[in-house]
């Protein structure tokens, strides 16, 4: 999620006020990020006073500590660039309970916890960090909509649809959507048309 998108979900109205963002943006750009980067905000216990931004860049992770209001001075931000080979992360742990996902992840001493949609967002952020640490590009997984499956229908004799298990159908569907299978279908359509 971009820094500008966090403004909608800020737990305190002053946390991402224009005067605070005006202090944060120069720190971001000086350390190699764009002014409105993809980031994660660790709000902490008192987001009206302080919080931390975690910003992945090509060189490493920016850890920017923001003080919303310093008495007599206004907002303050300070940051550091942590090279990917020095970044300290914990395990990405997920638990399912009563249809809800509970996730936790630790990076540079900051614990990220969330459930359901927030857990999905944290997992995506963690996987992005793991990819950067490994030196490979991050490719977000395709999210599929969760829906109830209709009951299996009885199909005529000899039909493969009636003999396949749901797992087999899912595997066949996944194989049909691989980049190679898609490229073959596009090539065959081009040859026909």
C-alpha atoms as a PDB file:
ATOM      1  CA  UNK A   1       0.000   0.000   0.000  1.00  0.00           C
ATOM      2  CA  UNK A   2       1.305   3.466  -0.838  1.00  0.00           C
ATOM      3  CA  UNK A   3       1.960   6.084   1.826  1.00  0.00           C
ATOM      4  CA  UNK A   4      -0.897   8.249   0.508  1.00  0.00           C
ATOM      5  CA  UNK A   5      -3.305   5.285   0.869  1.00  0.00           C
ATOM      6  CA  UNK A   6      -2.417   4.914   4.563  1.00  0.00           C
ATOM      7  CA  UNK A   7      -4.006   8.323   5.254  1.00  0.00           C
ATOM      8  CA  UNK A   8      -7.471   6.798   4.918  1.00  0.00           C
ATOM      9  CA  UNK A   9      -6.744   4.158   7.586  1.00  0.00           C
ATOM     10  CA  UNK A  10      -4.667   6.274   9.980  1.00  0.00           C
ATOM     11  CA  UNK A  11      -5.797   5.572  13.559  1.00  0.00           C
ATOM     12  CA  UNK A  12      -5.170   9.192  14.574  1.00  0.00           C
ATOM     13  CA  UNK A  13      -6.133  12.211  12.475  1.00  0.00           C
ATOM     14  CA  UNK A  14      -2.785  14.009  12.999  1.00  0.00           C
ATOM     15  CA  UNK A  15      -0.585  10.966  12.255  1.00  0.00           C
ATOM     16  CA  UNK A  16      -0.389  11.648   8.509  1.00  0.00           C
ATOM     17  CA  UNK A  17      -1.386  15.314   8.460  1.00  0.00           C
ATOM     18  CA  UNK A  18       0.147  17.410   5.650  1.00  0.00           C
ATOM     19  CA  UNK A  19       2.693  18.977   8.039  1.00  0.00           C
ATOM     20  CA  UNK A  20       3.890  15.485   9.087  1.00  0.00           C
ATOM     21  CA  UNK A  21       4.082  14.204   5.501  1.00  0.00           C
ATOM     22  CA  UNK A  22       6.051  17.354   4.562  1.00  0.00           C
ATOM     23  CA  UNK A  23       8.724  16.266   7.070  1.00  0.00           C
ATOM     24  CA  UNK A  24       8.655  12.576   6.058  1.00  0.00           C
ATOM     25  CA  UNK A  25       8.936  13.028   2.262  1.00  0.00           C
ATOM     26  CA  UNK A  26      12.419  14.657   2.270  1.00  0.00           C
ATOM     27  CA  UNK A  27      13.741  11.824   4.462  1.00  0.00           C
ATOM     28  CA  UNK A  28      12.275   9.256   2.043  1.00  0.00           C
ATOM     29  CA  UNK A  29      13.789  10.866  -1.043  1.00  0.00           C
ATOM     30  CA  UNK A  30      17.182  11.487   0.621  1.00  0.00           C
ATOM     31  CA  UNK A  31      17.447   7.785   1.490  1.00  0.00           C
ATOM     32  CA  UNK A  32      16.514   6.589  -2.009  1.00  0.00           C
ATOM     33  CA  UNK A  33      12.736   6.151  -2.013  1.00  0.00           C
ATOM     34  CA  UNK A  34      10.094   7.996  -3.980  1.00  0.00           C
ATOM     35  CA  UNK A  35       7.937  10.586  -2.160  1.00  0.00           C
ATOM     36  CA  UNK A  36       4.871   8.283  -2.160  1.00  0.00           C
ATOM     37  CA  UNK A  37       6.403   4.800  -1.811  1.00  0.00           C
ATOM     38  CA  UNK A  38       4.923   1.403  -1.179  1.00  0.00           C
ATOM     39  CA  UNK A  39       5.384   0.927   2.552  1.00  0.00           C
ATOM     40  CA  UNK A  40       4.103  -0.528   5.787  1.00  0.00           C
ATOM     41  CA  UNK A  41       3.337   1.600   8.831  1.00  0.00           C
ATOM     42  CA  UNK A  42       3.802   0.172  12.303  1.00  0.00           C
ATOM     43  CA  UNK A  43       1.447   2.359  14.328  1.00  0.00           C
ATOM     44  CA  UNK A  44       2.536   1.156  17.754  1.00  0.00           C
ATOM     45  CA  UNK A  45       0.760   2.009  21.000  1.00  0.00           C
ATOM     46  CA  UNK A  46       0.318   5.760  20.450  1.00  0.00           C
ATOM     47  CA  UNK A  47       0.065   6.647  16.730  1.00  0.00           C
ATOM     48  CA  UNK A  48      -0.893  10.213  17.655  1.00  0.00           C
ATOM     49  CA  UNK A  49       2.637  10.630  19.021  1.00  0.00           C
ATOM     50  CA  UNK A  50       4.960   8.280  17.100  1.00  0.00           C
ATOM     51  CA  UNK A  51       5.093   5.463  14.581  1.00  0.00           C
ATOM     52  CA  UNK A  52       7.523   3.775  12.184  1.00  0.00           C
ATOM     53  CA  UNK A  53       7.523   3.430   8.396  1.00  0.00           C
ATOM     54  CA  UNK A  54       9.041   0.390   6.702  1.00  0.00           C
ATOM     55  CA  UNK A  55       9.867   1.174   3.082  1.00  0.00           C
ATOM     56  CA  UNK A  56      11.445  -1.423   0.753  1.00  0.00           C
ATOM     57  CA  UNK A  57      13.857   0.090  -1.761  1.00  0.00           C
ATOM     58  CA  UNK A  58      16.304  -1.398  -4.220  1.00  0.00           C
ATOM     59  CA  UNK A  59      19.230  -0.910  -1.813  1.00  0.00           C
ATOM     60  CA  UNK A  60      17.517  -2.102   1.359  1.00  0.00           C
ATOM     61  CA  UNK A  61      14.733  -1.405   3.826  1.00  0.00           C
ATOM     62  CA  UNK A  62      14.213   2.142   5.043  1.00  0.00           C
ATOM     63  CA  UNK A  63      13.209   2.329   8.689  1.00  0.00           C
ATOM     64  CA  UNK A  64      11.843   5.797   9.368  1.00  0.00           C
ATOM     65  CA  UNK A  65      10.788   6.803  12.854  1.00  0.00           C
ATOM     66  CA  UNK A  66       8.215   9.594  12.905  1.00  0.00           C
ATOM     67  CA  UNK A  67       7.370  11.812  15.844  1.00  0.00           C
ATOM     68  CA  UNK A  68       4.059  13.500  15.103  1.00  0.00           C
ATOM     69  CA  UNK A  69       4.573  16.411  17.466  1.00  0.00           C
ATOM     70  CA  UNK A  70       7.737  17.377  19.306  1.00  0.00           C
ATOM     71  CA  UNK A  71       6.958  20.123  21.855  1.00  0.00           C
ATOM     72  CA  UNK A  72       8.151  23.471  20.547  1.00  0.00           C
ATOM     73  CA  UNK A  73       9.347  21.999  17.220  1.00  0.00           C
ATOM     74  CA  UNK A  74       6.472  20.215  15.448  1.00  0.00           C
ATOM     75  CA  UNK A  75       6.861  16.912  13.560  1.00  0.00           C
ATOM     76  CA  UNK A  76      10.199  15.133  13.280  1.00  0.00           C
ATOM     77  CA  UNK A  77      11.362  12.181  11.164  1.00  0.00           C
ATOM     78  CA  UNK A  78      14.630  10.302  11.123  1.00  0.00           C
ATOM     79  CA  UNK A  79      15.549   7.195   9.240  1.00  0.00           C
ATOM     80  CA  UNK A  80      18.163   4.702   8.251  1.00  0.00           C
ATOM     81  CA  UNK A  81      18.770   2.361   5.337  1.00  0.00           C
ATOM     82  CA  UNK A  82      19.215  -1.263   6.369  1.00  0.00           C
ATOM     83  CA  UNK A  83      20.951  -3.241   3.628  1.00  0.00           C
ATOM     84  CA  UNK A  84      19.109  -6.415   2.604  1.00  0.00           C
ATOM     85  CA  UNK A  85      21.913  -8.689   3.813  1.00  0.00           C
ATOM     86  CA  UNK A  86      21.710  -7.070   7.294  1.00  0.00           C
ATOM     87  CA  UNK A  87      17.930  -7.027   7.664  1.00  0.00           C
ATOM     88  CA  UNK A  88      16.639  -9.012  10.632  1.00  0.00           C
ATOM     89  CA  UNK A  89      13.360 -10.799  10.090  1.00  0.00           C
ATOM     90  CA  UNK A  90      11.455 -13.501  11.904  1.00  0.00           C
ATOM     91  CA  UNK A  91       9.222 -16.244  10.621  1.00  0.00           C
ATOM     92  CA  UNK A  92       5.986 -15.548   8.856  1.00  0.00           C
ATOM     93  CA  UNK A  93       3.460 -17.425  11.011  1.00  0.00           C
ATOM     94  CA  UNK A  94      -0.176 -18.026  10.075  1.00  0.00           C
ATOM     95  CA  UNK A  95      -2.925 -19.662  12.101  1.00  0.00           C
ATOM     96  CA  UNK A  96      -6.450 -20.528  10.950  1.00  0.00           C
ATOM     97  CA  UNK A  97      -9.281 -20.528  13.462  1.00  0.00           C
ATOM     98  CA  UNK A  98     -13.022 -20.593  12.793  1.00  0.00           C
ATOM     99  CA  UNK A  99     -12.531 -19.381   9.233  1.00  0.00           C
ATOM    100  CA  UNK A 100     -10.258 -16.477  10.255  1.00  0.00           C
ATOM    101  CA  UNK A 101      -6.588 -16.066   9.441  1.00  0.00           C
ATOM    102  CA  UNK A 102      -4.269 -14.772  12.185  1.00  0.00           C
ATOM    103  CA  UNK A 103      -0.762 -13.782  11.101  1.00  0.00           C
ATOM    104  CA  UNK A 104       2.380 -12.447  12.754  1.00  0.00           C
ATOM    105  CA  UNK A 105       5.727 -11.364  11.316  1.00  0.00           C
ATOM    106  CA  UNK A 106       8.699  -9.623  12.861  1.00  0.00           C
ATOM    107  CA  UNK A 107      11.061  -7.266  11.052  1.00  0.00           C
ATOM    108  CA  UNK A 108      13.782  -5.221  12.738  1.00  0.00           C
ATOM    109  CA  UNK A 109      12.148  -5.634  16.142  1.00  0.00           C
ATOM    110  CA  UNK A 110       8.717  -4.497  14.908  1.00  0.00           C
ATOM    111  CA  UNK A 111       5.971  -7.090  15.244  1.00  0.00           C
ATOM    112  CA  UNK A 112       3.295  -6.976  12.552  1.00  0.00           C
ATOM    113  CA  UNK A 113       0.061  -8.747  13.501  1.00  0.00           C
ATOM    114  CA  UNK A 114      -3.241  -8.925  11.727  1.00  0.00           C
ATOM    115  CA  UNK A 115      -6.262 -10.981  10.861  1.00  0.00           C
ATOM    116  CA  UNK A 116      -8.058 -11.797   7.619  1.00  0.00           C
ATOM    117  CA  UNK A 117      -7.536  -9.014   5.008  1.00  0.00           C
ATOM    118  CA  UNK A 118      -4.873  -7.310   7.119  1.00  0.00           C
ATOM    119  CA  UNK A 119      -3.127 -10.692   7.474  1.00  0.00           C
ATOM    120  CA  UNK A 120      -3.115 -11.018   3.680  1.00  0.00           C
ATOM    121  CA  UNK A 121      -1.558  -7.545   3.357  1.00  0.00           C
ATOM    122  CA  UNK A 122       1.123  -8.338   5.956  1.00  0.00           C
ATOM    123  CA  UNK A 123       1.897 -11.625   4.203  1.00  0.00           C
ATOM    124  CA  UNK A 124       2.320  -9.804   0.897  1.00  0.00           C
ATOM    125  CA  UNK A 125       4.654  -7.275   2.527  1.00  0.00           C
ATOM    126  CA  UNK A 126       6.679 -10.036   4.227  1.00  0.00           C
ATOM    127  CA  UNK A 127       6.988 -12.003   0.984  1.00  0.00           C
ATOM    128  CA  UNK A 128       8.164  -8.822  -0.766  1.00  0.00           C
ATOM    129  CA  UNK A 129      10.894  -8.422   1.883  1.00  0.00           C
ATOM    130  CA  UNK A 130      11.916 -12.090   1.623  1.00  0.00           C
ATOM    131  CA  UNK A 131      12.209 -11.755  -2.168  1.00  0.00           C
ATOM    132  CA  UNK A 132      14.406  -8.657  -1.811  1.00  0.00           C
ATOM    133  CA  UNK A 133      16.619 -10.410   0.753  1.00  0.00           C
ATOM    134  CA  UNK A 134      17.027 -13.332  -1.687  1.00  0.00           C
ATOM    135  CA  UNK A 135      17.832 -10.920  -4.535  1.00  0.00           C
ATOM    136  CA  UNK A 136      14.905 -11.979  -6.697  1.00  0.00           C
ATOM    137  CA  UNK A 137      11.985  -9.968  -8.057  1.00  0.00           C
ATOM    138  CA  UNK A 138       8.759 -10.100  -6.102  1.00  0.00           C
ATOM    139  CA  UNK A 139       5.811 -11.476  -8.037  1.00  0.00           C
ATOM    140  CA  UNK A 140       2.591 -11.146  -6.030  1.00  0.00           C
ATOM    141  CA  UNK A 141       0.496 -14.310  -6.041  1.00  0.00           C
ATOM    142  CA  UNK A 142      -2.811 -14.166  -7.845  1.00  0.00           C
ATOM    143  CA  UNK A 143      -5.566 -13.880  -5.284  1.00  0.00           C
ATOM    144  CA  UNK A 144      -8.603 -16.000  -5.983  1.00  0.00           C
ATOM    145  CA  UNK A 145     -12.007 -15.104  -4.656  1.00  0.00           C
ATOM    146  CA  UNK A 146     -13.152 -17.506  -1.995  1.00  0.00           C
ATOM    147  CA  UNK A 147     -16.576 -18.880  -2.770  1.00  0.00           C
ATOM    148  CA  UNK A 148     -18.715 -21.860  -1.990  1.00  0.00           C
ATOM    149  CA  UNK A 149     -18.481 -24.626  -4.500  1.00  0.00           C
ATOM    150  CA  UNK A 150     -21.699 -26.002  -5.932  1.00  0.00           C
ATOM    151  CA  UNK A 151     -22.278 -29.698  -5.225  1.00  0.00           C
ATOM    152  CA  UNK A 152     -20.935 -32.109  -7.807  1.00  0.00           C
ATOM    153  CA  UNK A 153     -23.489 -32.991 -10.453  1.00  0.00           C
ATOM    154  CA  UNK A 154     -23.886 -36.464 -11.818  1.00  0.00           C
ATOM    155  CA  UNK A 155     -22.730 -36.487 -15.392  1.00  0.00           C
ATOM    156  CA  UNK A 156     -23.285 -39.086 -18.104  1.00  0.00           C
ATOM    157  CA  UNK A 157     -21.423 -42.376 -18.266  1.00  0.00           C
ATOM    158  CA  UNK A 158     -17.761 -42.076 -19.213  1.00  0.00           C
ATOM    159  CA  UNK A 159     -17.517 -38.408 -18.338  1.00  0.00           C
ATOM    160  CA  UNK A 160     -14.251 -37.422 -16.717  1.00  0.00           C
ATOM    161  CA  UNK A 161     -15.931 -34.590 -14.815  1.00  0.00           C
ATOM    162  CA  UNK A 162     -17.797 -37.064 -12.601  1.00  0.00           C
ATOM    163  CA  UNK A 163     -14.696 -39.136 -11.844  1.00  0.00           C
ATOM    164  CA  UNK A 164     -12.334 -36.300 -10.994  1.00  0.00           C
ATOM    165  CA  UNK A 165     -11.922 -35.266  -7.394  1.00  0.00           C
ATOM    166  CA  UNK A 166     -12.090 -31.564  -6.504  1.00  0.00           C
ATOM    167  CA  UNK A 167      -8.306 -31.617  -6.002  1.00  0.00           C
ATOM    168  CA  UNK A 168      -7.759 -33.108  -9.465  1.00  0.00           C
ATOM    169  CA  UNK A 169     -10.049 -30.527 -11.082  1.00  0.00           C
ATOM    170  CA  UNK A 170      -8.204 -27.761  -9.232  1.00  0.00           C
ATOM    171  CA  UNK A 171      -4.843 -29.114 -10.425  1.00  0.00           C
ATOM    172  CA  UNK A 172      -6.101 -29.325 -14.020  1.00  0.00           C
ATOM    173  CA  UNK A 173      -7.391 -25.757 -13.814  1.00  0.00           C
ATOM    174  CA  UNK A 174      -4.080 -24.519 -12.381  1.00  0.00           C
ATOM    175  CA  UNK A 175      -2.167 -26.278 -15.182  1.00  0.00           C
ATOM    176  CA  UNK A 176      -4.415 -24.641 -17.782  1.00  0.00           C
ATOM    177  CA  UNK A 177      -3.533 -21.170 -16.460  1.00  0.00           C
ATOM    178  CA  UNK A 178       0.259 -21.553 -16.427  1.00  0.00           C
ATOM    179  CA  UNK A 179       2.155 -19.047 -18.593  1.00  0.00           C
ATOM    180  CA  UNK A 180       3.122 -21.828 -21.015  1.00  0.00           C
ATOM    181  CA  UNK A 181      -0.489 -23.012 -21.437  1.00  0.00           C
ATOM    182  CA  UNK A 182      -1.723 -19.450 -21.931  1.00  0.00           C
ATOM    183  CA  UNK A 183       1.009 -18.785 -24.514  1.00  0.00           C
ATOM    184  CA  UNK A 184       0.006 -21.949 -26.423  1.00  0.00           C
ATOM    185  CA  UNK A 185      -3.656 -20.867 -26.500  1.00  0.00           C
ATOM    186  CA  UNK A 186      -2.727 -17.366 -27.710  1.00  0.00           C
ATOM    187  CA  UNK A 187      -0.445 -18.827 -30.404  1.00  0.00           C
ATOM    188  CA  UNK A 188      -3.126 -21.252 -31.604  1.00  0.00           C
ATOM    189  CA  UNK A 189      -5.739 -18.467 -31.767  1.00  0.00           C
ATOM    190  CA  UNK A 190      -3.320 -16.336 -33.774  1.00  0.00           C
ATOM    191  CA  UNK A 191      -2.744 -19.208 -36.234  1.00  0.00           C
ATOM    192  CA  UNK A 192      -6.487 -19.754 -36.659  1.00  0.00           C
ATOM    193  CA  UNK A 193      -7.431 -16.088 -37.105  1.00  0.00           C
END
